[in-house]
């Protein structure tokens, strides 16, 4: 995970500021060298951090015109309906607007649960930031692309939850996360995230006991390994076709879609 220039700053300080473009140079894609240099100096935003545990969006989220930009770290956004939980994971480069759900006129009641999974630093993309980057609409376009990308990721997770085998669902999401946040090592692809069985169950739409069983089978088949520090090691290459996983999987791994064991 990229930490940008945070090593030079104290995110706990109320006046800590960084260049968002330094933290994520992809925001400058499409700009020439000279324009990118000016934009990098202008794209400065206040940052704050949050420690692991339940998180309640603060006043920074209210005044963030574009939203909160995740500079580093990992968190989950959970949706609870009638005691059933689903979750999405958000990491570096994602943009969120925590207060957006409060403006919805809901016919069906639900609640939102935020949890910080790793120490997370946010940049506040407020009106001052928006005015500063106005000469370079490419940055605003890139931020919009991140928001659209998050919607696409949710559609991917919805499709994954409809797959029959829990093993297949887990392999799909773990490789997806490894592509985003993992690193390549001689042993395989390391996903440096502590994902509990309960959280994975919420992500893939399965029961926690079924996820525990499926993870055990995947480890027995040599497809992944849980490291001592809680991170995941994905072994070999991602399957070219997900149905290949099912050819060696026992029918007991199948689970009716839409079920989940309350944690």
Protein backbone atom coordinates (compact mmCIF):
# COMPACT_ATOMS: atom_id res chain seq x y z
CA UNK A 1 0.00 0.00 0.00
CA UNK A 2 1.31 3.37 -0.89
CA UNK A 3 1.69 5.82 1.96
CA UNK A 4 2.66 8.81 -0.18
CA UNK A 5 4.36 11.48 1.91
CA UNK A 6 2.75 10.45 5.19
CA UNK A 7 6.09 9.43 6.60
CA UNK A 8 6.94 13.14 6.76
CA UNK A 9 3.72 14.10 8.53
CA UNK A 10 1.75 13.40 11.66
CA UNK A 11 -1.79 12.54 10.50
CA UNK A 12 -3.03 13.01 14.08
CA UNK A 13 -2.22 16.71 13.82
CA UNK A 14 -5.17 18.90 12.88
CA UNK A 15 -3.05 20.88 10.46
CA UNK A 16 -1.43 17.88 8.73
CA UNK A 17 -1.69 18.29 4.97
CA UNK A 18 -0.41 16.36 1.98
CA UNK A 19 -0.48 16.54 -1.77
CA UNK A 20 -3.09 13.96 -2.71
CA UNK A 21 -1.38 13.66 -6.10
CA UNK A 22 1.87 12.75 -4.37
CA UNK A 23 0.06 10.00 -2.47
CA UNK A 24 -1.61 8.75 -5.66
CA UNK A 25 0.23 9.85 -8.84
CA UNK A 26 -2.38 8.11 -11.03
CA UNK A 27 -4.63 11.11 -10.38
CA UNK A 28 -2.34 13.09 -12.69
CA UNK A 29 -2.68 10.70 -15.62
CA UNK A 30 -3.26 12.60 -18.85
CA UNK A 31 -1.34 15.70 -17.75
CA UNK A 32 1.99 16.75 -19.23
CA UNK A 33 5.04 17.01 -17.01
CA UNK A 34 4.79 20.75 -16.44
CA UNK A 35 1.04 20.72 -15.79
CA UNK A 36 1.43 17.70 -13.52
CA UNK A 37 4.05 19.52 -11.48
CA UNK A 38 1.76 22.50 -10.91
CA UNK A 39 -1.22 20.27 -10.16
CA UNK A 40 0.78 18.23 -7.66
CA UNK A 41 1.64 21.38 -5.72
CA UNK A 42 -1.97 22.58 -5.77
CA UNK A 43 -3.73 19.33 -4.88
CA UNK A 44 -3.16 19.71 -1.15
CA UNK A 45 -5.68 18.49 1.40
CA UNK A 46 -5.97 18.11 5.15
CA UNK A 47 -5.52 14.58 6.46
CA UNK A 48 -6.63 12.78 9.60
CA UNK A 49 -6.26 9.21 10.80
CA UNK A 50 -8.40 6.58 12.48
CA UNK A 51 -7.30 3.57 14.49
CA UNK A 52 -8.72 0.02 14.17
CA UNK A 53 -12.17 -0.53 15.60
CA UNK A 54 -15.72 0.72 15.03
CA UNK A 55 -15.69 4.10 13.29
CA UNK A 56 -18.20 6.90 13.37
CA UNK A 57 -17.67 9.42 10.52
CA UNK A 58 -16.59 12.75 11.95
CA UNK A 59 -17.18 16.37 11.00
CA UNK A 60 -14.47 16.07 8.35
CA UNK A 61 -16.86 13.84 6.38
CA UNK A 62 -19.55 16.51 6.48
CA UNK A 63 -17.45 19.25 4.91
CA UNK A 64 -15.79 16.99 2.35
CA UNK A 65 -17.30 18.28 -0.90
CA UNK A 66 -15.91 15.46 -3.06
CA UNK A 67 -15.63 13.03 -0.17
CA UNK A 68 -12.92 11.37 1.88
CA UNK A 69 -9.97 9.96 -0.06
CA UNK A 70 -8.28 6.93 1.50
CA UNK A 71 -4.55 7.58 1.44
CA UNK A 72 -3.52 4.46 3.32
CA UNK A 73 -5.15 1.74 5.38
CA UNK A 74 -8.24 -0.44 5.12
CA UNK A 75 -11.81 -0.29 6.38
CA UNK A 76 -15.14 -2.00 5.83
CA UNK A 77 -18.60 -0.62 5.23
CA UNK A 78 -21.29 -2.97 6.44
CA UNK A 79 -25.01 -2.91 5.69
CA UNK A 80 -27.34 -4.61 8.15
CA UNK A 81 -30.92 -5.58 7.22
CA UNK A 82 -32.99 -7.67 9.63
CA UNK A 83 -29.85 -8.89 11.35
CA UNK A 84 -28.21 -10.00 8.09
CA UNK A 85 -24.89 -8.39 7.26
CA UNK A 86 -23.07 -7.65 4.01
CA UNK A 87 -19.76 -5.80 3.69
CA UNK A 88 -17.45 -4.13 1.21
CA UNK A 89 -13.77 -3.41 1.77
CA UNK A 90 -12.27 -0.02 0.96
CA UNK A 91 -8.58 0.78 0.64
CA UNK A 92 -6.05 3.24 -0.79
CA UNK A 93 -7.40 5.27 -3.69
CA UNK A 94 -11.07 4.75 -2.82
CA UNK A 95 -13.38 7.73 -2.27
CA UNK A 96 -16.25 7.57 0.17
CA UNK A 97 -19.02 9.89 1.32
CA UNK A 98 -20.16 8.42 4.65
CA UNK A 99 -23.08 10.80 5.08
CA UNK A 100 -24.66 9.97 1.72
CA UNK A 101 -26.87 7.22 3.16
CA UNK A 102 -28.40 9.63 5.66
CA UNK A 103 -30.03 11.60 2.86
CA UNK A 104 -31.88 8.54 1.53
CA UNK A 105 -35.64 8.23 2.01
CA UNK A 106 -35.73 4.56 2.93
CA UNK A 107 -38.78 2.37 2.51
CA UNK A 108 -36.75 -0.54 3.86
CA UNK A 109 -34.93 0.08 7.11
CA UNK A 110 -31.21 -0.66 7.27
CA UNK A 111 -28.19 0.46 9.22
CA UNK A 112 -24.59 1.19 8.25
CA UNK A 113 -21.62 -0.08 10.24
CA UNK A 114 -18.11 1.25 9.61
CA UNK A 115 -15.04 -0.52 10.93
CA UNK A 116 -11.40 0.45 10.59
CA UNK A 117 -9.44 -2.74 9.89
CA UNK A 118 -5.97 -1.19 9.67
CA UNK A 119 -4.76 2.27 10.74
CA UNK A 120 -6.28 4.46 8.04
CA UNK A 121 -5.44 7.95 6.82
CA UNK A 122 -8.04 10.04 5.03
CA UNK A 123 -7.62 13.18 2.93
CA UNK A 124 -10.50 15.65 3.20
CA UNK A 125 -11.48 16.67 -0.33
CA UNK A 126 -13.32 19.84 0.67
CA UNK A 127 -14.28 23.02 -1.16
CA UNK A 128 -10.78 24.46 -0.79
CA UNK A 129 -9.34 21.37 -2.46
CA UNK A 130 -11.96 21.53 -5.24
CA UNK A 131 -11.09 25.16 -5.98
CA UNK A 132 -7.36 24.41 -5.95
CA UNK A 133 -7.61 21.64 -8.57
CA UNK A 134 -10.18 23.45 -10.76
CA UNK A 135 -7.58 24.33 -13.47
CA UNK A 136 -6.96 20.60 -13.98
CA UNK A 137 -10.29 18.83 -14.60
CA UNK A 138 -8.33 15.63 -15.21
CA UNK A 139 -8.00 15.27 -11.42
CA UNK A 140 -11.74 15.65 -10.85
CA UNK A 141 -12.30 13.16 -13.66
CA UNK A 142 -9.92 10.70 -12.04
CA UNK A 143 -11.73 11.03 -8.70
CA UNK A 144 -15.04 10.43 -10.45
CA UNK A 145 -13.48 7.36 -12.02
CA UNK A 146 -12.65 6.06 -8.54
CA UNK A 147 -16.27 6.48 -7.48
CA UNK A 148 -17.53 4.68 -10.57
CA UNK A 149 -14.93 1.98 -10.01
CA UNK A 150 -16.30 1.42 -6.53
CA UNK A 151 -19.78 0.91 -8.01
CA UNK A 152 -18.33 -1.60 -10.47
CA UNK A 153 -16.60 -3.41 -7.59
CA UNK A 154 -19.91 -3.72 -5.76
CA UNK A 155 -21.50 -5.22 -8.88
CA UNK A 156 -18.60 -7.71 -9.03
CA UNK A 157 -19.18 -8.70 -5.40
CA UNK A 158 -22.90 -9.10 -6.06
CA UNK A 159 -22.12 -11.46 -8.95
CA UNK A 160 -19.66 -13.40 -6.79
CA UNK A 161 -22.32 -13.91 -4.11
CA UNK A 162 -24.42 -15.77 -6.71
CA UNK A 163 -21.73 -18.36 -7.40
CA UNK A 164 -22.71 -21.79 -6.11
CA UNK A 165 -19.54 -22.91 -4.36
CA UNK A 166 -18.17 -21.03 -1.37
CA UNK A 167 -14.62 -21.98 -2.40
CA UNK A 168 -15.17 -20.32 -5.75
CA UNK A 169 -16.50 -17.16 -4.12
CA UNK A 170 -13.52 -16.96 -1.79
CA UNK A 171 -10.93 -17.50 -4.51
CA UNK A 172 -12.59 -14.82 -6.65
CA UNK A 173 -12.60 -12.14 -3.96
CA UNK A 174 -9.17 -12.99 -2.56
CA UNK A 175 -7.57 -12.68 -5.99
CA UNK A 176 -9.52 -9.48 -6.58
CA UNK A 177 -8.15 -8.00 -3.36
CA UNK A 178 -4.67 -9.34 -4.12
CA UNK A 179 -4.74 -7.53 -7.46
CA UNK A 180 -5.60 -4.30 -5.64
CA UNK A 181 -3.53 -4.46 -2.47
CA UNK A 182 -1.28 -7.51 -2.70
CA UNK A 183 2.41 -7.85 -3.45
CA UNK A 184 4.30 -10.47 -5.42
CA UNK A 185 6.79 -12.63 -3.51
CA UNK A 186 8.82 -15.71 -4.52
CA UNK A 187 6.30 -17.86 -2.62
CA UNK A 188 3.22 -16.34 -4.25
CA UNK A 189 0.92 -13.33 -3.99
CA UNK A 190 0.66 -11.97 -0.44
CA UNK A 191 -2.49 -10.17 0.59
CA UNK A 192 -1.31 -8.09 3.59
CA UNK A 193 -4.74 -7.86 5.17
CA UNK A 194 -6.13 -9.64 8.24
CA UNK A 195 -9.48 -10.83 6.93
CA UNK A 196 -11.39 -12.83 9.53
CA UNK A 197 -13.70 -15.67 8.55
CA UNK A 198 -16.67 -13.60 9.74
CA UNK A 199 -15.73 -10.64 7.55
CA UNK A 200 -15.13 -12.85 4.51
CA UNK A 201 -18.54 -14.39 5.09
CA UNK A 202 -20.12 -10.93 4.89
CA UNK A 203 -18.21 -10.13 1.72
CA UNK A 204 -19.12 -13.31 -0.18
CA UNK A 205 -22.64 -13.76 1.17
CA UNK A 206 -22.10 -17.03 3.00
CA UNK A 207 -22.32 -18.46 6.49
CA UNK A 208 -19.25 -18.08 8.66
CA UNK A 209 -18.95 -21.85 9.36
CA UNK A 210 -19.17 -22.54 5.61
CA UNK A 211 -16.39 -20.03 4.99
CA UNK A 212 -14.19 -21.67 7.63
CA UNK A 213 -14.74 -25.08 6.03
CA UNK A 214 -14.11 -23.74 2.53
CA UNK A 215 -10.89 -21.98 3.56
CA UNK A 216 -9.66 -25.21 5.10
CA UNK A 217 -10.30 -27.08 1.87
CA UNK A 218 -8.57 -24.41 -0.21
CA UNK A 219 -5.53 -24.67 2.05
CA UNK A 220 -5.57 -28.47 1.77
CA UNK A 221 -5.60 -28.12 -2.03
CA UNK A 222 -2.57 -25.82 -1.88
CA UNK A 223 -4.38 -22.78 -3.28
CA UNK A 224 -3.80 -20.48 -0.33
CA UNK A 225 -2.14 -20.31 3.05
CA UNK A 226 -2.81 -18.31 6.21
CA UNK A 227 0.44 -16.75 7.42
CA UNK A 228 1.42 -16.39 11.07
CA UNK A 229 0.69 -12.65 10.99
CA UNK A 230 -2.86 -13.23 9.75
CA UNK A 231 -2.15 -12.26 6.14
CA UNK A 232 -3.05 -14.51 3.22
CA UNK A 233 -0.69 -16.11 0.72
CA UNK A 234 -2.26 -17.02 -2.63
CA UNK A 235 -0.33 -19.82 -4.27
CA UNK A 236 0.09 -20.47 -7.96
CA UNK A 237 -1.70 -18.51 -10.64
CA UNK A 238 -5.28 -17.23 -10.54
CA UNK A 239 -7.63 -19.73 -12.21
CA UNK A 240 -8.32 -18.83 -15.83
CA UNK A 241 -11.84 -20.21 -15.40
CA UNK A 242 -13.54 -20.28 -12.01
CA UNK A 243 -15.45 -23.45 -12.87
CA UNK A 244 -12.11 -25.26 -12.76
CA UNK A 245 -12.18 -24.91 -8.97
CA UNK A 246 -15.43 -26.82 -8.74
CA UNK A 247 -14.09 -29.85 -10.58
CA UNK A 248 -12.11 -30.90 -7.50
CA UNK A 249 -14.52 -29.58 -4.87
CA UNK A 250 -16.90 -31.76 -2.92
CA UNK A 251 -20.63 -31.01 -3.29
CA UNK A 252 -20.82 -30.28 0.44
CA UNK A 253 -19.10 -26.97 -0.24
CA UNK A 254 -22.18 -25.68 -2.02
CA UNK A 255 -24.40 -23.37 -0.05
CA UNK A 256 -27.79 -21.84 -0.88
CA UNK A 257 -27.36 -18.27 -2.08
CA UNK A 258 -28.53 -15.45 0.10
CA UNK A 259 -27.93 -17.17 3.43
CA UNK A 260 -25.70 -15.92 6.17
CA UNK A 261 -24.94 -16.92 9.72
CA UNK A 262 -25.36 -13.97 12.13
CA UNK A 263 -22.05 -13.23 13.85
